[in-house]
Amino acid sequence: MHQILDIISSGIHDAKNQLFLAESLITQAEAEHGLKLDEARFAIEHAAARLSRLLTAYKLHREVGQLSIDMVSVGDLIEEAVMINAPHCRHLGLDLSSQNLEHKAWPLDRELTLDILSNAIQNASRHARSRIKISTTTGDSGLTLRIEDDGPGYPSTDVELMASKGVGLYVANEIARQHHRGERHGSLVLSNGGALGGAVFELLLP
């Protein structure tokens, strides 16, 4: 089984390299011919990110690697997630906004958490009617990073069930659990309703 996974992992690395080559060719074409291919670039970057999540799932399954925990500005992290995803949301006619941001440092794996947020925003963009909102709260239980949309909501709010159907939620759930402080571990919470009436994705970090 591990040998098959190792072969798949190697193939994913090769595919990512080809995507990076395609992105460089797009950049060259834009410069030489005055083209604007932002959505093509976003599609390539989105595909590369999905492959990266597959590699993360592979590492979690093999129990190799560990989180890189640093003190990270929560507000800066959210603003970067918005900056990365706002052009694509605008292209779809969606308003992506943030509010109630906690401008304090929190111990977390910055790159993996940013990927979780970006994936959640991209999922929301496929179902939202017009709005996606990101907010944060802190309390005795820890930090909550929340993404809401005004779409139809999740077909199920059972995290384990939903994580078994998609690599993005599977990886997010496992990475959340690996964030811990003492006996407390991170978690995902899925619900429907919220401020916008649609799906609510919450990443809880201790």
C-alpha atoms as a PDB file:
ATOM      1  CA  MET A   1       0.000   0.000   0.000  1.00  0.00           C
ATOM      2  CA  HIS A   2       2.757   2.443   0.961  1.00  0.00           C
ATOM      3  CA  GLN A   3       4.579   1.692  -2.306  1.00  0.00           C
ATOM      4  CA  ILE A   4       1.480   2.626  -4.314  1.00  0.00           C
ATOM      5  CA  LEU A   5       1.093   5.837  -2.309  1.00  0.00           C
ATOM      6  CA  ASP A   6       4.752   6.695  -2.924  1.00  0.00           C
ATOM      7  CA  ILE A   7       4.232   6.251  -6.693  1.00  0.00           C
ATOM      8  CA  ILE A   8       1.124   8.448  -6.570  1.00  0.00           C
ATOM      9  CA  SER A   9       3.065  11.067  -4.598  1.00  0.00           C
ATOM     10  CA  SER A  10       5.809  11.089  -7.237  1.00  0.00           C
ATOM     11  CA  GLY A  11       3.205  11.524  -9.981  1.00  0.00           C
ATOM     12  CA  ILE A  12       1.636  14.445  -8.127  1.00  0.00           C
ATOM     13  CA  HIS A  13       5.043  16.154  -7.881  1.00  0.00           C
ATOM     14  CA  ASP A  14       5.530  15.718 -11.641  1.00  0.00           C
ATOM     15  CA  ALA A  15       2.067  17.153 -12.348  1.00  0.00           C
ATOM     16  CA  LYS A  16       2.790  20.185 -10.147  1.00  0.00           C
ATOM     17  CA  ASN A  17       6.005  20.814 -12.067  1.00  0.00           C
ATOM     18  CA  GLN A  18       4.044  20.800 -15.333  1.00  0.00           C
ATOM     19  CA  LEU A  19       1.549  23.275 -13.908  1.00  0.00           C
ATOM     20  CA  PHE A  20       4.361  25.615 -12.880  1.00  0.00           C
ATOM     21  CA  LEU A  21       5.711  25.391 -16.434  1.00  0.00           C
ATOM     22  CA  ALA A  22       2.263  26.208 -17.835  1.00  0.00           C
ATOM     23  CA  GLU A  23       1.997  29.235 -15.538  1.00  0.00           C
ATOM     24  CA  SER A  24       5.386  30.536 -16.703  1.00  0.00           C
ATOM     25  CA  LEU A  25       4.281  30.149 -20.340  1.00  0.00           C
ATOM     26  CA  ILE A  26       1.097  32.116 -19.578  1.00  0.00           C
ATOM     27  CA  THR A  27       3.169  34.879 -17.989  1.00  0.00           C
ATOM     28  CA  GLN A  28       5.397  34.959 -21.065  1.00  0.00           C
ATOM     29  CA  ALA A  29       2.378  35.130 -23.403  1.00  0.00           C
ATOM     30  CA  GLU A  30       0.887  37.995 -21.393  1.00  0.00           C
ATOM     31  CA  ALA A  31       4.121  39.970 -21.644  1.00  0.00           C
ATOM     32  CA  GLU A  32       4.691  39.292 -25.344  1.00  0.00           C
ATOM     33  CA  HIS A  33       1.136  39.733 -26.629  1.00  0.00           C
ATOM     34  CA  GLY A  34      -0.487  42.063 -24.117  1.00  0.00           C
ATOM     35  CA  LEU A  35      -2.960  39.434 -22.981  1.00  0.00           C
ATOM     36  CA  LYS A  36      -4.741  39.348 -19.617  1.00  0.00           C
ATOM     37  CA  LEU A  37      -5.104  35.767 -18.454  1.00  0.00           C
ATOM     38  CA  ASP A  38      -5.743  36.147 -14.735  1.00  0.00           C
ATOM     39  CA  GLU A  39      -8.458  33.463 -14.628  1.00  0.00           C
ATOM     40  CA  ALA A  40      -6.244  30.986 -16.499  1.00  0.00           C
ATOM     41  CA  ARG A  41      -3.485  31.636 -13.980  1.00  0.00           C
ATOM     42  CA  PHE A  42      -5.924  31.254 -11.085  1.00  0.00           C
ATOM     43  CA  ALA A  43      -7.120  27.920 -12.501  1.00  0.00           C
ATOM     44  CA  ILE A  44      -3.528  26.668 -12.665  1.00  0.00           C
ATOM     45  CA  GLU A  45      -2.755  27.890  -9.152  1.00  0.00           C
ATOM     46  CA  HIS A  46      -5.986  26.299  -7.895  1.00  0.00           C
ATOM     47  CA  ALA A  47      -5.044  22.967  -9.515  1.00  0.00           C
ATOM     48  CA  ALA A  48      -1.543  23.173  -8.013  1.00  0.00           C
ATOM     49  CA  ALA A  49      -3.057  23.867  -4.588  1.00  0.00           C
ATOM     50  CA  ARG A  50      -5.331  20.818  -4.905  1.00  0.00           C
ATOM     51  CA  LEU A  51      -2.293  18.683  -5.727  1.00  0.00           C
ATOM     52  CA  SER A  52      -0.504  20.144  -2.700  1.00  0.00           C
ATOM     53  CA  ARG A  53      -3.462  19.135  -0.535  1.00  0.00           C
ATOM     54  CA  LEU A  54      -3.228  15.609  -1.924  1.00  0.00           C
ATOM     55  CA  LEU A  55       0.439  15.546  -0.910  1.00  0.00           C
ATOM     56  CA  THR A  56      -0.515  16.794   2.534  1.00  0.00           C
ATOM     57  CA  ALA A  57      -3.130  14.029   2.802  1.00  0.00           C
ATOM     58  CA  TYR A  58      -0.439  11.529   1.797  1.00  0.00           C
ATOM     59  CA  LYS A  59       1.920  12.819   4.504  1.00  0.00           C
ATOM     60  CA  LEU A  60      -0.845  12.697   7.113  1.00  0.00           C
ATOM     61  CA  HIS A  61      -1.618   9.098   6.111  1.00  0.00           C
ATOM     62  CA  ARG A  62       2.058   8.165   6.305  1.00  0.00           C
ATOM     63  CA  GLU A  63       2.431  10.149   9.537  1.00  0.00           C
ATOM     64  CA  VAL A  64       5.494  11.992   8.230  1.00  0.00           C
ATOM     65  CA  GLY A  65       6.255  15.665   8.703  1.00  0.00           C
ATOM     66  CA  GLN A  66       4.951  18.004  11.364  1.00  0.00           C
ATOM     67  CA  LEU A  67       3.339  21.404  11.704  1.00  0.00           C
ATOM     68  CA  SER A  68       5.478  24.534  11.650  1.00  0.00           C
ATOM     69  CA  ILE A  69       3.959  26.560  14.489  1.00  0.00           C
ATOM     70  CA  ASP A  70       4.759  30.274  14.785  1.00  0.00           C
ATOM     71  CA  MET A  71       3.081  33.312  16.288  1.00  0.00           C
ATOM     72  CA  VAL A  72       1.087  34.689  13.348  1.00  0.00           C
ATOM     73  CA  SER A  73      -0.934  37.906  13.039  1.00  0.00           C
ATOM     74  CA  VAL A  74      -4.521  36.730  12.578  1.00  0.00           C
ATOM     75  CA  GLY A  75      -5.588  39.935  10.838  1.00  0.00           C
ATOM     76  CA  ASP A  76      -2.696  39.777   8.370  1.00  0.00           C
ATOM     77  CA  LEU A  77      -3.466  36.109   7.643  1.00  0.00           C
ATOM     78  CA  ILE A  78      -7.103  36.872   6.817  1.00  0.00           C
ATOM     79  CA  GLU A  79      -6.186  39.882   4.705  1.00  0.00           C
ATOM     80  CA  GLU A  80      -3.803  37.721   2.667  1.00  0.00           C
ATOM     81  CA  ALA A  81      -6.507  35.087   2.152  1.00  0.00           C
ATOM     82  CA  VAL A  82      -8.851  37.821   0.885  1.00  0.00           C
ATOM     83  CA  MET A  83      -6.169  39.296  -1.384  1.00  0.00           C
ATOM     84  CA  ILE A  84      -5.445  35.896  -2.965  1.00  0.00           C
ATOM     85  CA  ASN A  85      -9.087  35.045  -3.623  1.00  0.00           C
ATOM     86  CA  ALA A  86     -10.729  38.449  -4.234  1.00  0.00           C
ATOM     87  CA  PRO A  87      -9.914  38.671  -7.990  1.00  0.00           C
ATOM     88  CA  HIS A  88     -11.556  35.300  -8.689  1.00  0.00           C
ATOM     89  CA  CYS A  89     -14.576  36.207  -6.570  1.00  0.00           C
ATOM     90  CA  ARG A  90     -14.958  39.506  -8.429  1.00  0.00           C
ATOM     91  CA  HIS A  91     -14.800  37.594 -11.718  1.00  0.00           C
ATOM     92  CA  LEU A  92     -17.744  35.498 -10.470  1.00  0.00           C
ATOM     93  CA  GLY A  93     -19.650  38.578  -9.351  1.00  0.00           C
ATOM     94  CA  LEU A  94     -19.217  37.784  -5.659  1.00  0.00           C
ATOM     95  CA  ASP A  95     -18.446  40.196  -2.828  1.00  0.00           C
ATOM     96  CA  LEU A  96     -15.684  38.793  -0.579  1.00  0.00           C
ATOM     97  CA  SER A  97     -15.303  40.780   2.623  1.00  0.00           C
ATOM     98  CA  SER A  98     -13.815  40.493   6.096  1.00  0.00           C
ATOM     99  CA  GLN A  99     -14.961  41.930   9.409  1.00  0.00           C
ATOM    100  CA  ASN A 100     -14.337  41.715  13.159  1.00  0.00           C
ATOM    101  CA  LEU A 101     -10.744  40.646  12.563  1.00  0.00           C
ATOM    102  CA  GLU A 102      -8.621  39.838  15.589  1.00  0.00           C
ATOM    103  CA  HIS A 103      -5.405  41.828  15.169  1.00  0.00           C
ATOM    104  CA  LYS A 104      -3.382  39.698  17.551  1.00  0.00           C
ATOM    105  CA  ALA A 105      -0.766  36.981  17.191  1.00  0.00           C
ATOM    106  CA  TRP A 106      -1.806  33.341  17.498  1.00  0.00           C
ATOM    107  CA  PRO A 107       0.253  30.101  17.426  1.00  0.00           C
ATOM    108  CA  LEU A 108      -0.516  28.257  14.186  1.00  0.00           C
ATOM    109  CA  ASP A 109       0.988  26.830  11.013  1.00  0.00           C
ATOM    110  CA  ARG A 110       0.709  29.851   8.750  1.00  0.00           C
ATOM    111  CA  GLU A 111       0.997  28.203   5.314  1.00  0.00           C
ATOM    112  CA  LEU A 112      -1.313  25.283   6.073  1.00  0.00           C
ATOM    113  CA  THR A 113      -3.905  27.527   7.726  1.00  0.00           C
ATOM    114  CA  LEU A 114      -3.800  29.932   4.780  1.00  0.00           C
ATOM    115  CA  ASP A 115      -4.375  26.993   2.429  1.00  0.00           C
ATOM    116  CA  ILE A 116      -7.346  25.810   4.520  1.00  0.00           C
ATOM    117  CA  LEU A 117      -8.894  29.285   4.381  1.00  0.00           C
ATOM    118  CA  SER A 118      -8.289  29.651   0.635  1.00  0.00           C
ATOM    119  CA  ASN A 119      -9.827  26.250  -0.050  1.00  0.00           C
ATOM    120  CA  ALA A 120     -12.862  27.116   2.084  1.00  0.00           C
ATOM    121  CA  ILE A 121     -13.288  30.425   0.212  1.00  0.00           C
ATOM    122  CA  GLN A 122     -13.023  28.651  -3.144  1.00  0.00           C
ATOM    123  CA  ASN A 123     -15.612  26.092  -2.037  1.00  0.00           C
ATOM    124  CA  ALA A 124     -17.905  28.915  -0.925  1.00  0.00           C
ATOM    125  CA  SER A 125     -17.442  30.690  -4.278  1.00  0.00           C
ATOM    126  CA  ARG A 126     -18.927  27.684  -6.076  1.00  0.00           C
ATOM    127  CA  HIS A 127     -22.190  27.938  -4.127  1.00  0.00           C
ATOM    128  CA  ALA A 128     -22.586  31.546  -2.961  1.00  0.00           C
ATOM    129  CA  ARG A 129     -25.199  33.705  -4.670  1.00  0.00           C
ATOM    130  CA  SER A 130     -23.544  37.068  -4.065  1.00  0.00           C
ATOM    131  CA  ARG A 131     -21.583  37.259  -0.794  1.00  0.00           C
ATOM    132  CA  ILE A 132     -18.807  35.545   1.155  1.00  0.00           C
ATOM    133  CA  LYS A 133     -17.727  36.867   4.529  1.00  0.00           C
ATOM    134  CA  ILE A 134     -14.717  36.037   6.732  1.00  0.00           C
ATOM    135  CA  SER A 135     -14.640  36.861  10.420  1.00  0.00           C
ATOM    136  CA  THR A 136     -12.667  35.893  13.519  1.00  0.00           C
ATOM    137  CA  THR A 137     -13.348  35.606  17.228  1.00  0.00           C
ATOM    138  CA  THR A 138     -11.258  34.655  20.236  1.00  0.00           C
ATOM    139  CA  GLY A 139     -12.307  33.365  23.618  1.00  0.00           C
ATOM    140  CA  ASP A 140     -11.467  30.881  26.336  1.00  0.00           C
ATOM    141  CA  SER A 141     -11.834  28.019  23.839  1.00  0.00           C
ATOM    142  CA  GLY A 142      -9.359  29.562  21.383  1.00  0.00           C
ATOM    143  CA  LEU A 143      -9.389  31.226  17.974  1.00  0.00           C
ATOM    144  CA  THR A 144     -12.255  30.762  15.511  1.00  0.00           C
ATOM    145  CA  LEU A 145     -11.766  31.525  11.821  1.00  0.00           C
ATOM    146  CA  ARG A 146     -15.180  31.676  10.150  1.00  0.00           C
ATOM    147  CA  ILE A 147     -16.193  31.705   6.460  1.00  0.00           C
ATOM    148  CA  GLU A 148     -19.861  32.211   5.594  1.00  0.00           C
ATOM    149  CA  ASP A 149     -21.759  32.472   2.312  1.00  0.00           C
ATOM    150  CA  ASP A 150     -25.297  33.139   1.128  1.00  0.00           C
ATOM    151  CA  GLY A 151     -25.671  29.902  -0.816  1.00  0.00           C
ATOM    152  CA  PRO A 152     -27.911  26.890  -0.146  1.00  0.00           C
ATOM    153  CA  GLY A 153     -25.741  25.513   2.680  1.00  0.00           C
ATOM    154  CA  TYR A 154     -24.030  22.171   3.261  1.00  0.00           C
ATOM    155  CA  PRO A 155     -25.882  18.982   2.310  1.00  0.00           C
ATOM    156  CA  SER A 156     -24.674  17.613   5.663  1.00  0.00           C
ATOM    157  CA  THR A 157     -22.983  19.281   8.629  1.00  0.00           C
ATOM    158  CA  ASP A 158     -21.407  15.998   9.788  1.00  0.00           C
ATOM    159  CA  VAL A 159     -17.683  16.848   9.560  1.00  0.00           C
ATOM    160  CA  GLU A 160     -16.487  13.240   9.407  1.00  0.00           C
ATOM    161  CA  LEU A 161     -18.969  12.407   6.651  1.00  0.00           C
ATOM    162  CA  MET A 162     -18.099  15.489   4.598  1.00  0.00           C
ATOM    163  CA  ALA A 163     -14.356  14.966   5.131  1.00  0.00           C
ATOM    164  CA  SER A 164     -14.686  11.447   3.731  1.00  0.00           C
ATOM    165  CA  LYS A 165     -16.015  12.890   0.455  1.00  0.00           C
ATOM    166  CA  GLY A 166     -13.373  15.512  -0.339  1.00  0.00           C
ATOM    167  CA  VAL A 167      -9.628  15.904   0.133  1.00  0.00           C
ATOM    168  CA  GLY A 168      -9.917  19.582   1.121  1.00  0.00           C
ATOM    169  CA  LEU A 169     -12.092  18.976   4.173  1.00  0.00           C
ATOM    170  CA  TYR A 170     -10.175  15.801   5.047  1.00  0.00           C
ATOM    171  CA  VAL A 171      -6.875  17.680   5.132  1.00  0.00           C
ATOM    172  CA  ALA A 172      -8.391  20.660   6.963  1.00  0.00           C
ATOM    173  CA  ASN A 173      -9.877  18.382   9.620  1.00  0.00           C
ATOM    174  CA  GLU A 174      -6.601  16.533  10.199  1.00  0.00           C
ATOM    175  CA  ILE A 175      -4.517  19.721  10.306  1.00  0.00           C
ATOM    176  CA  ALA A 176      -6.994  21.269  12.750  1.00  0.00           C
ATOM    177  CA  ARG A 177      -6.605  18.249  15.042  1.00  0.00           C
ATOM    178  CA  GLN A 178      -2.818  18.503  14.919  1.00  0.00           C
ATOM    179  CA  HIS A 179      -2.968  22.032  16.302  1.00  0.00           C
ATOM    180  CA  HIS A 180      -3.031  21.546  20.055  1.00  0.00           C
ATOM    181  CA  ARG A 181      -2.300  23.351  23.282  1.00  0.00           C
ATOM    182  CA  GLY A 182      -1.988  20.978  26.198  1.00  0.00           C
ATOM    183  CA  GLU A 183      -4.933  18.581  26.017  1.00  0.00           C
ATOM    184  CA  ARG A 184      -6.973  20.825  23.733  1.00  0.00           C
ATOM    185  CA  HIS A 185      -6.980  20.127  19.993  1.00  0.00           C
ATOM    186  CA  GLY A 186      -8.283  22.126  17.065  1.00  0.00           C
ATOM    187  CA  SER A 187     -11.396  21.121  15.156  1.00  0.00           C
ATOM    188  CA  LEU A 188     -13.726  21.934  12.281  1.00  0.00           C
ATOM    189  CA  VAL A 189     -17.378  22.868  12.685  1.00  0.00           C
ATOM    190  CA  LEU A 190     -19.796  22.949   9.732  1.00  0.00           C
ATOM    191  CA  SER A 191     -23.242  24.506  10.028  1.00  0.00           C
ATOM    192  CA  ASN A 192     -25.956  26.216   8.014  1.00  0.00           C
ATOM    193  CA  GLY A 193     -27.594  29.571   8.600  1.00  0.00           C
ATOM    194  CA  GLY A 194     -25.276  32.134  10.132  1.00  0.00           C
ATOM    195  CA  ALA A 195     -25.276  35.817   9.260  1.00  0.00           C
ATOM    196  CA  LEU A 196     -25.694  35.236   5.501  1.00  0.00           C
ATOM    197  CA  GLY A 197     -28.089  32.294   5.663  1.00  0.00           C
ATOM    198  CA  GLY A 198     -25.870  29.752   3.881  1.00  0.00           C
ATOM    199  CA  ALA A 199     -22.928  27.495   4.726  1.00  0.00           C
ATOM    200  CA  VAL A 200     -20.742  28.338   7.735  1.00  0.00           C
ATOM    201  CA  PHE A 201     -17.220  26.896   7.880  1.00  0.00           C
ATOM    202  CA  GLU A 202     -15.406  27.319  11.205  1.00  0.00           C
ATOM    203  CA  LEU A 203     -11.798  26.416  11.935  1.00  0.00           C
ATOM    204  CA  LEU A 204     -11.211  26.316  15.711  1.00  0.00           C
ATOM    205  CA  LEU A 205      -7.606  26.524  16.924  1.00  0.00           C
ATOM    206  CA  PRO A 206      -6.689  26.276  20.634  1.00  0.00           C
END
